[in-house]
Amino acid sequence: MTLPTIRILVVDDHAMIRLGLIGALSSEPGMEVVGQARNGREAIELHAKLAPDITLMDGILPDMHGVDVTREILAKNLAAKIILISINETAEDVRRALEAGVRGYVPKSCEQDTIAQAIRSVASGKDFLPSQLIRRLAERNAVVGLSHREVDVLRLIAKGKANKEIAMELGLSSDTVKTHITHLMRKLDAADRTHAVTLAIEQGFLRM
C-alpha cells in the first residue's frame, strides 16, 4: 500500500538554507515541499492557506522567534505539526519549544537522514528529539531551575562585576547578593563563579 505524500512547509530566512532543505526533501520518497516562507508572518499566512502536514520552522526568524510563530499557528490550528530546526541546542531552548507545542526539535547541524526521520515520526503522530537533546533535557531536569534574580546576578558576574557592584546595580544588599550566589552555585553544582557562568550558558539559563 502506498502511503500518502507528506506535504511540507519550509520556513527559513536564508534562501540558500531553504533551497538546500527543499532539494534534500524532494529526494526523499513520499515527501513534497508545498511552500516556503522567509519570516514568521509569511509562515503563519502560508500555513493557514496550505494546511501542510509538517512545518519545518527555523528557530530564529527576522521578525519573530520560531517558538512564537509556533504558538500563533497552533492558536489557529491545534492539529498543526511543527518541527523546529535551530542553531540553539541547549536544554532550556528545547524545553521552551516543547512547551510552545512543537512536535520535534532538531539541530541545524544534523544530517539529512535525521530531518527525514523527524518528519516521518511527527507525521505519524509521534514526537521526535535526537538522542543528544534527550540527554540534555534529562540533565537539565536534574537541576533545580534558577530564579529570575539569580539569573540577573549571574549575568552581572559574567560581565566581571564584583559583589558590591552587583548589589548597587540590582538595589540589593551585599549579603543578599552573597546568598543568591551561594544558591545558584549549589543549584548548578559549580566549582567557582566562572564555572557557574559556563554551566548556565550550556544549560540555556543565560545567553550572552
Protein backbone atom coordinates (compact mmCIF):
# COMPACT_ATOMS: atom_id res chain seq x y z
CA MET A 1 0.00 0.00 0.00
CA THR A 2 1.36 3.42 -0.96
CA LEU A 3 1.48 5.86 1.92
CA PRO A 4 0.10 9.39 1.35
CA THR A 5 2.63 12.08 0.47
CA ILE A 6 3.77 14.23 3.40
CA ARG A 7 3.20 17.87 2.46
CA ILE A 8 5.82 20.18 3.95
CA LEU A 9 6.13 23.93 4.54
CA VAL A 10 9.75 25.14 4.89
CA VAL A 11 10.35 28.30 6.96
CA ASP A 12 13.79 29.95 6.99
CA ASP A 13 15.02 33.47 6.30
CA HIS A 14 18.14 32.29 4.43
CA ALA A 15 17.43 31.47 0.77
CA MET A 16 20.30 29.00 0.47
CA ILE A 17 19.15 27.04 3.51
CA ARG A 18 15.60 26.92 2.14
CA LEU A 19 16.87 25.71 -1.22
CA GLY A 20 19.07 23.12 0.48
CA LEU A 21 16.18 21.79 2.53
CA ILE A 22 13.84 21.76 -0.45
CA GLY A 23 16.40 19.91 -2.57
CA ALA A 24 17.09 17.38 0.17
CA LEU A 25 13.43 16.72 0.93
CA SER A 26 12.50 16.47 -2.75
CA SER A 27 14.85 13.49 -2.98
CA GLU A 28 13.08 11.74 -0.10
CA PRO A 29 10.31 9.31 -1.16
CA GLY A 30 6.84 10.30 -0.04
CA MET A 31 7.68 13.94 0.68
CA GLU A 32 6.67 17.12 -1.13
CA VAL A 33 7.53 20.73 -0.28
CA VAL A 34 4.35 22.70 -0.92
CA GLY A 35 5.52 26.13 0.24
CA GLN A 36 8.35 28.20 1.66
CA ALA A 37 8.35 31.24 3.93
CA ARG A 38 11.06 33.80 4.74
CA ASN A 39 9.71 35.05 8.07
CA GLY A 40 7.18 34.42 10.80
CA ARG A 41 4.29 36.37 9.29
CA GLU A 42 4.66 34.61 5.94
CA ALA A 43 4.77 31.28 7.75
CA ILE A 44 1.52 31.99 9.61
CA GLU A 45 -0.25 33.11 6.42
CA LEU A 46 1.03 30.20 4.31
CA HIS A 47 0.19 27.65 6.97
CA ALA A 48 -3.42 28.86 7.03
CA LYS A 49 -3.55 28.79 3.23
CA LEU A 50 -1.75 25.50 2.54
CA ALA A 51 -2.53 23.42 5.66
CA PRO A 52 0.73 21.43 5.37
CA ASP A 53 1.18 18.11 7.15
CA ILE A 54 4.52 19.25 8.58
CA THR A 55 6.13 22.67 9.03
CA LEU A 56 9.92 22.88 9.31
CA MET A 57 10.43 26.04 11.35
CA ASP A 58 13.67 27.97 11.72
CA GLY A 59 14.28 28.83 15.37
CA ILE A 60 15.28 32.45 14.76
CA LEU A 61 13.48 34.50 12.11
CA PRO A 62 13.94 38.21 11.32
CA ASP A 63 10.55 39.28 12.67
CA MET A 64 9.68 36.62 15.27
CA HIS A 65 11.17 33.72 17.17
CA GLY A 66 10.19 30.32 15.81
CA VAL A 67 8.62 29.47 19.17
CA ASP A 68 6.30 32.49 18.92
CA VAL A 69 5.37 31.60 15.33
CA THR A 70 4.57 28.09 16.54
CA ARG A 71 2.26 29.45 19.24
CA GLU A 72 0.37 31.62 16.73
CA ILE A 73 -0.05 28.78 14.25
CA LEU A 74 -1.27 26.41 16.95
CA ALA A 75 -3.69 29.03 18.26
CA LYS A 76 -5.41 28.87 14.86
CA ASN A 77 -4.88 25.17 14.18
CA LEU A 78 -4.35 22.83 17.13
CA ALA A 79 -3.61 19.93 14.78
CA ALA A 80 -0.57 21.66 13.24
CA LYS A 81 2.62 19.60 13.41
CA ILE A 82 5.74 21.74 13.68
CA ILE A 83 9.40 20.74 13.82
CA LEU A 84 11.84 23.39 14.98
CA ILE A 85 15.27 23.45 13.32
CA SER A 86 17.62 25.62 15.32
CA ILE A 87 21.23 26.57 15.91
CA ASN A 88 20.34 26.76 19.63
CA GLU A 89 20.70 23.33 21.19
CA THR A 90 20.51 24.00 24.95
CA ALA A 91 18.07 22.11 27.12
CA GLU A 92 16.30 25.36 28.00
CA ASP A 93 15.73 26.19 24.31
CA VAL A 94 14.31 22.71 23.72
CA ARG A 95 12.10 22.95 26.80
CA ARG A 96 10.63 26.29 25.68
CA ALA A 97 9.92 24.91 22.21
CA LEU A 98 8.23 21.79 23.55
CA GLU A 99 6.11 23.88 25.92
CA ALA A 100 5.03 26.01 22.93
CA GLY A 101 3.80 22.86 21.20
CA VAL A 102 6.47 21.82 18.70
CA ARG A 103 6.38 18.10 17.93
CA GLY A 104 10.04 17.83 17.01
CA TYR A 105 13.31 19.68 17.57
CA VAL A 106 16.46 19.11 15.53
CA PRO A 107 19.79 20.99 15.40
CA LYS A 108 20.68 22.78 12.17
CA SER A 109 23.92 20.81 12.22
CA CYS A 110 22.11 17.48 11.84
CA GLU A 111 22.25 15.26 8.75
CA GLN A 112 19.52 14.92 6.12
CA ASP A 113 18.61 11.47 7.44
CA THR A 114 17.79 12.93 10.87
CA ILE A 115 15.50 15.58 9.37
CA ALA A 116 13.75 12.97 7.24
CA GLN A 117 13.35 10.71 10.29
CA ALA A 118 11.91 13.62 12.28
CA ILE A 119 9.41 14.41 9.53
CA ARG A 120 8.23 10.81 9.22
CA SER A 121 7.97 10.37 13.00
CA VAL A 122 5.98 13.57 13.55
CA ALA A 123 3.77 12.93 10.50
CA SER A 124 2.88 9.54 12.00
CA GLY A 125 1.81 11.17 15.25
CA LYS A 126 4.97 10.73 17.31
CA ASP A 127 7.26 13.37 18.84
CA PHE A 128 10.91 13.49 17.81
CA LEU A 129 14.11 14.55 19.58
CA PRO A 130 17.64 13.40 18.66
CA SER A 131 19.33 11.37 21.39
CA GLN A 132 21.77 14.17 22.34
CA LEU A 133 18.89 16.57 23.05
CA ILE A 134 17.06 13.94 25.09
CA ARG A 135 20.21 13.60 27.24
CA ARG A 136 20.47 17.37 27.71
CA LEU A 137 16.83 17.59 28.77
CA ALA A 138 17.37 14.80 31.27
CA GLU A 139 20.43 16.57 32.67
CA ARG A 140 18.53 19.86 32.91
CA ASN A 141 15.59 18.23 34.66
CA ALA A 142 18.01 17.02 37.32
CA VAL A 143 18.87 20.65 38.05
CA VAL A 144 16.56 22.93 40.05
CA GLY A 145 15.69 25.98 37.95
CA LEU A 146 17.29 29.34 38.65
CA SER A 147 15.16 32.27 39.79
CA HIS A 148 14.99 35.47 37.72
CA ARG A 149 17.06 37.27 40.37
CA GLU A 150 19.70 34.53 40.35
CA VAL A 151 19.93 34.86 36.56
CA ASP A 152 20.31 38.66 36.98
CA VAL A 153 23.18 38.10 39.40
CA LEU A 154 24.80 35.56 37.06
CA ARG A 155 24.55 37.94 34.11
CA LEU A 156 26.47 40.59 36.07
CA ILE A 157 29.02 38.03 37.25
CA ALA A 158 29.56 37.19 33.59
CA LYS A 159 30.34 40.88 32.98
CA GLY A 160 33.07 40.73 35.62
CA LYS A 161 31.17 42.65 38.30
CA ALA A 162 32.18 42.26 41.95
CA ASN A 163 29.57 41.57 44.64
CA LYS A 164 29.37 45.24 45.73
CA GLU A 165 28.83 46.36 42.12
CA ILE A 166 26.12 43.73 41.64
CA ALA A 167 24.42 44.86 44.86
CA MET A 168 24.41 48.50 43.71
CA GLU A 169 23.14 47.72 40.22
CA LEU A 170 20.32 45.47 41.44
CA GLY A 171 19.47 47.51 44.52
CA LEU A 172 20.27 44.67 46.90
CA SER A 173 22.41 44.33 49.99
CA SER A 174 25.81 42.63 49.69
CA ASP A 175 24.56 39.85 51.98
CA THR A 176 21.59 39.19 49.69
CA VAL A 177 23.88 39.01 46.67
CA LYS A 178 26.10 36.53 48.51
CA THR A 179 23.02 34.43 49.33
CA HIS A 180 21.93 34.39 45.68
CA ILE A 181 25.42 33.35 44.61
CA THR A 182 25.51 30.57 47.19
CA HIS A 183 22.13 29.25 45.96
CA LEU A 184 22.92 29.39 42.24
CA MET A 185 26.35 27.79 42.78
CA ARG A 186 24.66 24.91 44.62
CA LYS A 187 21.92 24.53 42.01
CA LEU A 188 24.43 24.45 39.15
CA ASP A 189 26.95 22.36 41.10
CA ALA A 190 29.59 24.90 40.07
CA ALA A 191 33.16 24.95 41.34
CA ASP A 192 33.54 28.73 41.07
CA ARG A 193 31.95 31.84 39.55
CA THR A 194 33.40 31.29 36.08
CA HIS A 195 32.24 27.68 36.11
CA ALA A 196 28.75 28.81 37.15
CA VAL A 197 28.53 31.18 34.16
CA THR A 198 29.76 28.45 31.79
CA LEU A 199 27.23 25.92 33.10
CA ALA A 200 24.38 28.45 32.96
CA ILE A 201 25.15 29.19 29.30
CA GLU A 202 25.43 25.49 28.43
CA GLN A 203 22.08 24.75 30.10
CA GLY A 204 20.34 27.72 28.49
CA PHE A 205 19.68 29.75 31.66
CA LEU A 206 21.98 32.51 30.44
CA ARG A 207 22.51 33.75 26.90
CA MET A 208 25.37 36.12 26.20
